[in-house]
Amino acid sequence: TDDYNTAPTKCNVSDSSNEANLSRNMHFMPSVCDIMDDKHSFWEYCTDTLGFPSFNSKDSDGNMLPSHRLSSDAEVLALNQTLRDADAQDKYVLKNLGYDPLHRLDLFCLPADQATVKNYLEKIREDGNGVSEQEPWQAQLFIEKGTELSCFAVLRDSCLKLYTCALSSASQLRYVHTGRDSEDAPADHRNAGHTPLIDEQAAACRRWVDAFCAALRAKGERLDGQLCWDFMCTDGDAVRAFPLECNPRIHSQCAVFGAANGDQKRFGEVLVGSARGEVLVPSMTTDAEAETHFWGWWANEFYSLQDTNHLLRMLEMVHSFLSSMFVLLGLSAKRARPVFQYAKACDENATWYTSNFSFRDSDFDAEDPLPFLGRNLMQPLVLLWGVLLSGNEWTKYDFCIGKVVEKNGD
C-alpha cells in the first residue's frame, strides 16, 4: 500500500468471524451503490475521498484514469475541440454511464474530426442512447496497449475476505484464477499460460485492491458486500493497473470457486461471516483440473465457434432469412444484427484460454444435471418466446446470466 500513500491499517481476522456478523447483510447501501455503479462517480470517490491520484501521462504518475462527465452533445463537442486545440496525444474513449448493450463495444475515441463526432452522436441518439443530462456519458483516458483483467472480491468492514483475478475482455466468459498467490505452488506444476507478465499484471491488480481497502479503512468507511472491477494493465517495464469501472455486485467470475476442492463451501462461509483465516483465493494447488481447465458455459463456447461450426452458419443463414422476411412483411423496420457470435476470434484474451486450457462447464454436475439443462434449454426458449410476443428488437441472448439483450433495454 505504500505505493498509493494509504494508511497501513490492518484487518483483524477475528472481527469478521464473530457471531454478530452472521446477521449482517452482504450488500452495500444504496448511496454506495450509486457511487460504485457510476464510472465517473467512482473516479471522483477514489480521487477526492480516498486520495488516489489521477494518472498523468507526462510524468506517469497516478493510478486513476482521468475522467470527464458529459451531459450534452455540446459538452462532447467542446471537449473534443479542446483536445484538438491542445494537439493532445492522449485519447479519451466515450462510454455510456448507464448500461448500454448496443454501444459498450464501440470504443469511439476523442479527439476526432468534429463532423465525425457529430455523426456518432446522431447515431447513438437514433438508437435511443443519446447524451443528455438524464443519461450522461463519460470520456475516460484510453489505454491503447495493455491487458484487461477482471477482479471479484468480498469485503467485510472494508477488509478483503475473498478475491480472484482473471484475464478478461468484452463478450467473452472464460475464467481461470491468475496470479501467484502462494509460493507453495511449484513453478513446473503451473500452466505455461501463466507467464511472468500475466503474474505481474495480476499482482498489480491485487496491490490496487489492497490499497483501496486500506484507504477505505483509513477514512472510516465500513463496507460489506461483493464487488468487481475491470482493470487495464500496462505491459511495459513498470506494470500498472488502472480500474476502468467498479460494479457493486456478484460476478460470473465467482465460478472459479468450485465445489471439488471445497472452495464453494468456503465461499459460503465468507458470505455468512463465519470464515476464518486469510483472504480466500481459488485453491489452484488442490484442484486437479485448476491448471488444465478454464471455467465457462457450454452454450457460450458452442456459439463462439462460428468460423468452424457448420450448424452455426446454418442458424445464422436461417436467422438472416427470417429477418429479411419480417422486413418485407412490414413486421420489422430493419434487418436484425448477427446474434450467433460471442467471443471474437481476434480476441487475444479469449484465445488465451482456449490455447492453454480445456473447457470446464460451470453448471454441469452428473449428480444434478437440471441446472445445466434449465440454463441451456428451458430458460432461453421461455425468454425468447416472451420477446417474440412483445415484438421488441433484440440483439443477442446471454446464456451466462440468462437474459435477452433488447434494443433500448436495461
Protein backbone atom coordinates (compact mmCIF):
# COMPACT_ATOMS: atom_id res chain seq x y z
CA THR A 1 0.00 0.00 0.00
CA ASP A 2 2.97 2.34 0.27
CA ASP A 3 2.82 2.97 -3.50
CA TYR A 4 -0.61 4.59 -3.07
CA ASN A 5 0.05 6.64 0.08
CA THR A 6 -2.64 4.89 2.10
CA ALA A 7 -2.53 4.33 5.82
CA PRO A 8 -1.04 0.93 6.73
CA THR A 9 -4.13 -0.13 8.65
CA LYS A 10 -4.61 -3.86 9.10
CA CYS A 11 -7.64 -6.12 9.29
CA ASN A 12 -8.43 -8.01 12.44
CA VAL A 13 -9.14 -11.55 11.27
CA SER A 14 -11.32 -12.32 14.28
CA ASP A 15 -13.56 -9.30 13.66
CA SER A 16 -15.22 -10.97 10.67
CA SER A 17 -15.62 -14.30 12.44
CA ASN A 18 -17.87 -13.37 15.36
CA GLU A 19 -21.49 -14.34 15.70
CA ALA A 20 -22.75 -10.77 15.29
CA ASN A 21 -21.67 -10.78 11.65
CA LEU A 22 -23.95 -13.70 10.82
CA SER A 23 -26.96 -11.35 10.76
CA ARG A 24 -25.34 -8.64 8.66
CA ASN A 25 -26.50 -8.25 5.07
CA MET A 26 -23.87 -8.67 2.38
CA HIS A 27 -24.84 -5.72 0.24
CA PHE A 28 -23.95 -2.06 0.04
CA MET A 29 -26.14 0.87 1.00
CA PRO A 30 -27.98 2.49 -1.97
CA SER A 31 -25.79 5.59 -1.71
CA VAL A 32 -22.67 3.43 -2.00
CA CYS A 33 -24.14 1.52 -4.95
CA ASP A 34 -24.84 4.82 -6.73
CA ILE A 35 -21.17 5.79 -6.38
CA MET A 36 -19.70 2.42 -7.33
CA ASP A 37 -22.06 1.82 -10.23
CA ASP A 38 -21.26 5.13 -11.95
CA LYS A 39 -17.83 5.13 -13.63
CA HIS A 40 -17.29 8.86 -13.19
CA SER A 41 -18.64 8.99 -9.62
CA PHE A 42 -16.35 6.09 -8.73
CA TRP A 43 -13.40 8.03 -10.16
CA GLU A 44 -14.38 11.11 -8.12
CA TYR A 45 -14.77 8.99 -4.99
CA CYS A 46 -11.33 7.43 -5.39
CA THR A 47 -9.56 10.70 -6.21
CA ASP A 48 -11.42 13.16 -3.94
CA THR A 49 -12.39 10.98 -0.97
CA LEU A 50 -9.75 8.25 -0.89
CA GLY A 51 -6.94 10.43 -2.20
CA PHE A 52 -5.88 8.29 -5.17
CA PRO A 53 -4.00 10.49 -7.67
CA SER A 54 -5.29 10.80 -11.22
CA PHE A 55 -2.90 9.49 -13.88
CA ASN A 56 -0.73 11.98 -15.76
CA SER A 57 0.78 10.58 -18.95
CA LYS A 58 3.55 13.18 -18.94
CA ASP A 59 5.15 12.01 -15.70
CA SER A 60 3.42 8.58 -15.48
CA ASP A 61 2.13 9.40 -12.02
CA GLY A 62 -1.23 8.39 -10.57
CA ASN A 63 -3.37 5.26 -10.58
CA MET A 64 -6.79 6.52 -11.70
CA LEU A 65 -7.53 7.26 -15.36
CA PRO A 66 -8.74 10.87 -15.88
CA SER A 67 -12.48 11.15 -16.47
CA HIS A 68 -14.98 13.74 -17.75
CA ARG A 69 -18.75 13.61 -17.22
CA LEU A 70 -20.60 14.72 -20.36
CA SER A 71 -24.28 15.69 -20.19
CA SER A 72 -24.97 17.01 -23.70
CA ASP A 73 -23.76 16.85 -27.28
CA ALA A 74 -22.40 20.37 -26.84
CA GLU A 75 -20.17 19.25 -23.97
CA VAL A 76 -18.85 16.33 -26.03
CA LEU A 77 -18.04 18.62 -28.95
CA ALA A 78 -16.45 21.18 -26.63
CA LEU A 79 -14.17 18.57 -25.05
CA ASN A 80 -13.28 17.25 -28.48
CA GLN A 81 -12.34 20.75 -29.67
CA THR A 82 -10.27 21.34 -26.52
CA LEU A 83 -8.32 18.14 -27.14
CA ARG A 84 -7.84 19.07 -30.80
CA ASP A 85 -6.64 22.57 -29.95
CA ALA A 86 -4.18 21.16 -27.42
CA ASP A 87 -2.87 18.75 -30.05
CA ALA A 88 -3.16 16.10 -27.35
CA GLN A 89 -1.59 12.70 -27.93
CA ASP A 90 -3.91 11.10 -25.36
CA LYS A 91 -7.20 9.63 -26.48
CA TYR A 92 -10.43 9.55 -24.48
CA VAL A 93 -12.98 6.81 -25.06
CA LEU A 94 -16.68 7.67 -24.88
CA LYS A 95 -18.75 5.43 -22.60
CA ASN A 96 -22.38 5.48 -21.61
CA LEU A 97 -22.59 5.78 -17.81
CA GLY A 98 -25.72 3.64 -17.93
CA TYR A 99 -25.93 0.05 -19.09
CA ASP A 100 -25.72 0.15 -22.87
CA PRO A 101 -25.51 -3.25 -24.62
CA LEU A 102 -25.60 -1.60 -28.05
CA HIS A 103 -22.59 0.72 -27.75
CA ARG A 104 -20.45 -0.77 -24.97
CA LEU A 105 -18.04 -2.19 -27.58
CA ASP A 106 -17.84 0.87 -29.87
CA LEU A 107 -14.67 2.32 -28.31
CA PHE A 108 -15.27 5.63 -30.06
CA CYS A 109 -12.42 7.95 -29.10
CA LEU A 110 -11.79 11.68 -28.89
CA PRO A 111 -10.26 13.76 -30.35
CA ALA A 112 -11.68 13.26 -33.82
CA ASP A 113 -12.94 15.41 -36.65
CA GLN A 114 -15.92 17.43 -35.43
CA ALA A 115 -18.11 16.08 -38.23
CA THR A 116 -17.20 12.52 -37.26
CA VAL A 117 -18.12 13.19 -33.65
CA LYS A 118 -21.44 14.77 -34.68
CA ASN A 119 -22.27 11.72 -36.81
CA TYR A 120 -21.58 9.39 -33.89
CA LEU A 121 -23.69 11.50 -31.53
CA GLU A 122 -26.56 11.41 -34.03
CA LYS A 123 -26.19 7.64 -34.38
CA ILE A 124 -26.41 6.92 -30.65
CA ARG A 125 -29.35 9.32 -30.31
CA GLU A 126 -31.20 7.48 -33.07
CA ASP A 127 -30.51 4.25 -31.18
CA GLY A 128 -32.15 5.74 -28.09
CA ASN A 129 -28.91 6.23 -26.10
CA GLY A 130 -28.09 9.87 -26.74
CA VAL A 131 -26.03 12.02 -24.38
CA SER A 132 -28.27 14.01 -22.04
CA GLU A 133 -28.50 15.40 -18.51
CA GLN A 134 -30.64 12.41 -17.56
CA GLU A 135 -28.38 9.89 -19.32
CA PRO A 136 -24.82 11.30 -19.15
CA TRP A 137 -21.76 9.73 -20.77
CA GLN A 138 -18.12 9.61 -19.73
CA ALA A 139 -14.88 10.38 -21.54
CA GLN A 140 -12.14 8.26 -19.96
CA LEU A 141 -8.44 8.23 -20.82
CA PHE A 142 -7.91 5.36 -23.26
CA ILE A 143 -5.06 2.90 -22.76
CA GLU A 144 -4.28 1.53 -26.21
CA LYS A 145 -1.63 -1.03 -25.28
CA GLY A 146 -2.38 -3.20 -22.33
CA THR A 147 -4.17 -6.26 -20.99
CA GLU A 148 -7.65 -6.28 -19.48
CA LEU A 149 -8.21 -8.19 -16.26
CA SER A 150 -11.27 -8.52 -14.05
CA CYS A 151 -11.29 -8.99 -10.28
CA PHE A 152 -14.03 -10.13 -7.93
CA ALA A 153 -13.92 -9.60 -4.18
CA VAL A 154 -15.93 -9.84 -0.98
CA LEU A 155 -15.40 -7.17 1.68
CA ARG A 156 -16.32 -7.12 5.36
CA ASP A 157 -15.65 -3.96 7.32
CA SER A 158 -13.68 -2.84 4.25
CA CYS A 159 -11.37 -5.83 4.74
CA LEU A 160 -10.69 -8.15 1.83
CA LYS A 161 -12.09 -11.61 2.60
CA LEU A 162 -12.29 -13.26 -0.84
CA TYR A 163 -10.50 -12.44 -4.07
CA THR A 164 -9.91 -13.74 -7.57
CA CYS A 165 -8.42 -12.25 -10.73
CA ALA A 166 -8.69 -13.38 -14.36
CA LEU A 167 -7.85 -12.24 -17.87
CA SER A 168 -10.91 -10.61 -19.35
CA SER A 169 -12.35 -8.93 -22.41
CA ALA A 170 -15.73 -7.81 -23.70
CA SER A 171 -18.27 -10.51 -24.52
CA GLN A 172 -16.17 -13.49 -23.50
CA LEU A 173 -16.98 -15.63 -20.49
CA ARG A 174 -13.95 -17.72 -19.60
CA TYR A 175 -12.20 -17.70 -16.26
CA VAL A 176 -9.02 -19.05 -14.67
CA HIS A 177 -7.61 -17.55 -11.49
CA THR A 178 -4.37 -15.78 -12.40
CA GLY A 179 -1.51 -14.55 -10.30
CA ARG A 180 0.84 -16.38 -7.99
CA ASP A 181 -0.85 -16.03 -4.61
CA SER A 182 1.43 -18.57 -2.95
CA GLU A 183 5.00 -19.64 -3.47
CA ASP A 184 3.94 -23.11 -2.34
CA ALA A 185 2.86 -23.95 -5.89
CA PRO A 186 5.89 -25.31 -7.77
CA ALA A 187 6.52 -23.45 -11.00
CA ASP A 188 6.68 -26.67 -13.02
CA HIS A 189 3.13 -27.54 -11.89
CA ARG A 190 1.66 -24.29 -13.21
CA ASN A 191 0.12 -23.95 -16.64
CA ALA A 192 2.53 -22.43 -19.15
CA GLY A 193 -0.10 -19.82 -19.94
CA HIS A 194 0.68 -18.10 -16.64
CA THR A 195 3.54 -16.02 -17.98
CA PRO A 196 5.65 -13.72 -15.76
CA LEU A 197 3.92 -10.71 -17.37
CA ILE A 198 0.45 -12.02 -16.51
CA ASP A 199 1.63 -12.72 -12.95
CA GLU A 200 2.94 -9.14 -12.70
CA GLN A 201 -0.31 -7.70 -14.05
CA ALA A 202 -2.39 -9.80 -11.65
CA ALA A 203 -0.15 -8.66 -8.79
CA ALA A 204 -0.67 -5.02 -9.81
CA CYS A 205 -4.44 -5.52 -9.65
CA ARG A 206 -4.15 -7.08 -6.19
CA ARG A 207 -2.00 -4.17 -4.96
CA TRP A 208 -4.65 -1.71 -6.16
CA VAL A 209 -7.45 -3.65 -4.43
CA ASP A 210 -5.44 -3.88 -1.19
CA ALA A 211 -4.74 -0.14 -1.37
CA PHE A 212 -8.43 0.56 -2.00
CA CYS A 213 -9.43 -1.43 1.10
CA ALA A 214 -6.72 0.25 3.21
CA ALA A 215 -7.89 3.69 2.08
CA LEU A 216 -11.48 2.83 2.98
CA ARG A 217 -10.45 1.80 6.50
CA ALA A 218 -8.30 4.89 6.90
CA LYS A 219 -11.35 7.04 6.10
CA GLY A 220 -13.55 5.08 8.48
CA GLU A 221 -15.64 3.59 5.66
CA ARG A 222 -17.27 0.31 6.65
CA LEU A 223 -18.20 -1.60 3.50
CA ASP A 224 -19.75 -5.06 3.47
CA GLY A 225 -20.55 -6.64 0.14
CA GLN A 226 -19.48 -8.17 -3.13
CA LEU A 227 -17.95 -6.09 -5.88
CA CYS A 228 -15.90 -6.43 -9.03
CA TRP A 229 -13.56 -4.31 -11.11
CA ASP A 230 -12.38 -4.22 -14.70
CA PHE A 231 -8.70 -3.26 -14.88
CA MET A 232 -6.48 -2.24 -17.76
CA CYS A 233 -2.88 -3.23 -17.04
CA THR A 234 0.11 -1.83 -18.89
CA ASP A 235 2.64 -4.22 -20.38
CA GLY A 236 5.78 -2.07 -20.25
CA ASP A 237 8.74 -2.21 -17.89
CA ALA A 238 6.71 -0.87 -14.96
CA VAL A 239 3.39 -2.73 -14.90
CA ARG A 240 0.49 -0.56 -13.70
CA ALA A 241 -3.17 -1.45 -13.07
CA PHE A 242 -5.90 1.13 -13.75
CA PRO A 243 -9.54 0.45 -12.83
CA LEU A 244 -11.88 1.06 -15.75
CA GLU A 245 -15.01 0.62 -13.67
CA CYS A 246 -16.39 -0.89 -10.46
CA ASN A 247 -19.63 -2.85 -10.09
CA PRO A 248 -21.21 -3.42 -6.64
CA ARG A 249 -22.48 -6.91 -7.37
CA ILE A 250 -21.53 -10.53 -7.74
CA HIS A 251 -19.63 -11.57 -10.88
CA SER A 252 -19.85 -14.70 -13.04
CA GLN A 253 -16.13 -14.96 -12.33
CA CYS A 254 -17.01 -16.46 -8.94
CA ALA A 255 -17.42 -19.78 -10.81
CA VAL A 256 -13.70 -20.36 -10.20
CA PHE A 257 -14.60 -21.23 -6.60
CA GLY A 258 -15.60 -24.78 -7.46
CA ALA A 259 -17.09 -27.49 -5.29
CA ALA A 260 -14.47 -30.17 -5.99
CA ASN A 261 -11.88 -28.75 -3.60
CA GLY A 262 -14.18 -27.23 -1.01
CA ASP A 263 -13.85 -23.66 -2.29
CA GLN A 264 -17.60 -23.41 -2.85
CA LYS A 265 -18.26 -24.18 0.82
CA ARG A 266 -15.61 -21.71 1.97
CA PHE A 267 -17.16 -19.09 -0.36
CA GLY A 268 -20.45 -19.55 1.51
CA GLU A 269 -18.67 -19.18 4.83
CA VAL A 270 -17.24 -15.86 3.68
CA LEU A 271 -20.70 -14.63 2.69
CA VAL A 272 -22.34 -15.51 6.02
CA GLY A 273 -19.41 -14.21 8.05
CA SER A 274 -18.20 -17.46 9.60
CA ALA A 275 -14.96 -17.74 7.58
CA ARG A 276 -11.69 -17.64 9.50
CA GLY A 277 -8.14 -17.12 8.35
CA GLU A 278 -6.55 -15.33 5.43
CA VAL A 279 -8.15 -13.99 2.25
CA LEU A 280 -9.82 -16.81 0.33
CA VAL A 281 -8.47 -17.33 -3.19
CA PRO A 282 -9.18 -20.30 -5.51
CA SER A 283 -7.27 -23.43 -4.45
CA MET A 284 -5.14 -23.88 -7.54
CA THR A 285 -2.89 -26.48 -5.89
CA THR A 286 -5.63 -28.77 -4.52
CA ASP A 287 -7.89 -28.87 -7.58
CA ALA A 288 -6.58 -31.43 -10.06
CA GLU A 289 -8.09 -29.55 -13.03
CA ALA A 290 -7.29 -26.00 -11.93
CA GLU A 291 -4.19 -25.71 -14.13
CA THR A 292 -5.66 -27.61 -17.09
CA HIS A 293 -9.23 -26.30 -17.43
CA PHE A 294 -10.95 -22.94 -17.64
CA TRP A 295 -14.42 -22.26 -16.24
CA GLY A 296 -17.07 -21.32 -18.77
CA TRP A 297 -20.55 -22.05 -20.10
CA TRP A 298 -21.33 -24.66 -22.73
CA ALA A 299 -23.65 -22.52 -24.84
CA ASN A 300 -21.18 -19.65 -24.89
CA GLU A 301 -18.45 -21.97 -26.15
CA PHE A 302 -20.76 -23.50 -28.72
CA TYR A 303 -21.76 -20.15 -30.16
CA SER A 304 -18.15 -18.92 -30.16
CA LEU A 305 -17.22 -21.38 -32.89
CA GLN A 306 -18.95 -19.62 -35.76
CA ASP A 307 -15.92 -19.76 -38.07
CA THR A 308 -15.71 -23.57 -37.86
CA ASN A 309 -19.19 -24.68 -36.81
CA HIS A 310 -21.35 -25.51 -39.83
CA LEU A 311 -24.52 -25.71 -37.72
CA LEU A 312 -23.99 -22.16 -36.54
CA ARG A 313 -23.51 -20.96 -40.10
CA MET A 314 -26.82 -22.59 -40.99
CA LEU A 315 -28.54 -20.99 -37.98
CA GLU A 316 -27.18 -17.59 -38.97
CA MET A 317 -28.46 -18.06 -42.51
CA VAL A 318 -31.92 -19.01 -41.22
CA HIS A 319 -31.89 -16.03 -38.87
CA SER A 320 -30.87 -13.70 -41.70
CA PHE A 321 -33.62 -15.10 -43.97
CA LEU A 322 -36.33 -14.74 -41.31
CA SER A 323 -35.14 -11.22 -40.54
CA SER A 324 -35.42 -10.27 -44.22
CA MET A 325 -38.93 -11.76 -44.42
CA PHE A 326 -40.00 -9.74 -41.36
CA VAL A 327 -38.80 -6.57 -43.11
CA LEU A 328 -40.63 -7.46 -46.34
CA LEU A 329 -43.85 -8.18 -44.43
CA GLY A 330 -43.58 -4.90 -42.56
CA LEU A 331 -43.16 -6.60 -39.19
CA SER A 332 -39.73 -5.06 -38.59
CA ALA A 333 -38.16 -1.76 -39.61
CA LYS A 334 -34.73 -3.17 -40.43
CA ARG A 335 -32.81 -6.41 -40.55
CA ALA A 336 -31.54 -7.73 -37.23
CA ARG A 337 -27.83 -7.98 -36.49
CA PRO A 338 -25.98 -11.32 -36.35
CA VAL A 339 -26.67 -12.94 -32.99
CA PHE A 340 -24.68 -16.18 -33.00
CA GLN A 341 -21.20 -14.74 -32.42
CA TYR A 342 -19.85 -14.35 -28.89
CA ALA A 343 -16.06 -14.27 -28.37
CA LYS A 344 -14.26 -12.86 -31.39
CA ALA A 345 -11.50 -14.92 -32.95
CA CYS A 346 -9.15 -11.92 -32.83
CA ASP A 347 -9.65 -11.52 -29.07
CA GLU A 348 -6.25 -12.40 -27.59
CA ASN A 349 -7.55 -12.81 -24.05
CA ALA A 350 -10.32 -15.14 -25.20
CA THR A 351 -7.97 -17.30 -27.25
CA TRP A 352 -5.51 -17.38 -24.33
CA TYR A 353 -7.97 -19.64 -22.55
CA THR A 354 -8.60 -21.97 -25.48
CA SER A 355 -4.87 -22.16 -26.29
CA ASN A 356 -3.75 -23.11 -22.78
CA PHE A 357 -6.76 -24.75 -21.11
CA SER A 358 -9.61 -27.16 -21.78
CA PHE A 359 -13.26 -26.29 -21.24
CA ARG A 360 -14.97 -26.97 -17.89
CA ASP A 361 -18.67 -26.15 -17.58
CA SER A 362 -19.66 -24.09 -14.56
CA ASP A 363 -23.12 -25.66 -14.20
CA PHE A 364 -22.82 -29.29 -15.19
CA ASP A 365 -22.86 -31.87 -12.43
CA ALA A 366 -23.59 -35.51 -13.25
CA GLU A 367 -25.37 -35.90 -9.91
CA ASP A 368 -27.55 -32.81 -10.50
CA PRO A 369 -27.90 -32.04 -14.24
CA LEU A 370 -31.12 -29.98 -14.02
CA PRO A 371 -29.43 -26.55 -13.62
CA PHE A 372 -27.36 -27.22 -16.74
CA LEU A 373 -30.38 -28.33 -18.76
CA GLY A 374 -32.50 -25.48 -17.46
CA ARG A 375 -29.96 -22.80 -18.33
CA ASN A 376 -29.24 -24.07 -21.84
CA LEU A 377 -32.64 -25.40 -22.96
CA MET A 378 -35.67 -24.27 -20.98
CA GLN A 379 -34.71 -20.72 -19.96
CA PRO A 380 -33.71 -19.48 -23.47
CA LEU A 381 -36.94 -20.81 -25.02
CA VAL A 382 -39.11 -19.12 -22.39
CA LEU A 383 -37.32 -15.77 -22.57
CA LEU A 384 -37.04 -15.67 -26.37
CA TRP A 385 -40.70 -16.56 -26.70
CA GLY A 386 -41.55 -13.63 -24.45
CA VAL A 387 -39.52 -11.24 -26.61
CA LEU A 388 -41.12 -12.55 -29.82
CA LEU A 389 -44.59 -11.97 -28.34
CA SER A 390 -43.65 -8.44 -27.28
CA GLY A 391 -42.29 -7.55 -30.72
CA ASN A 392 -39.20 -5.88 -29.24
CA GLU A 393 -35.99 -5.84 -31.27
CA TRP A 394 -33.24 -7.93 -29.69
CA THR A 395 -29.52 -8.21 -30.35
CA LYS A 396 -28.32 -11.38 -28.59
CA TYR A 397 -29.04 -13.88 -25.84
CA ASP A 398 -26.67 -14.09 -22.88
CA PHE A 399 -26.57 -17.69 -21.65
CA CYS A 400 -24.45 -16.88 -18.62
CA ILE A 401 -26.89 -14.55 -16.87
CA GLY A 402 -30.00 -15.77 -18.70
CA LYS A 403 -31.05 -12.59 -20.47
CA VAL A 404 -32.26 -11.45 -23.87
CA VAL A 405 -30.40 -8.25 -24.73
CA GLU A 406 -33.01 -5.97 -26.24
CA LYS A 407 -32.57 -2.67 -28.03
CA ASN A 408 -33.08 0.16 -25.53
CA GLY A 409 -33.42 -2.47 -22.82
CA ASP A 410 -31.88 -2.42 -19.34
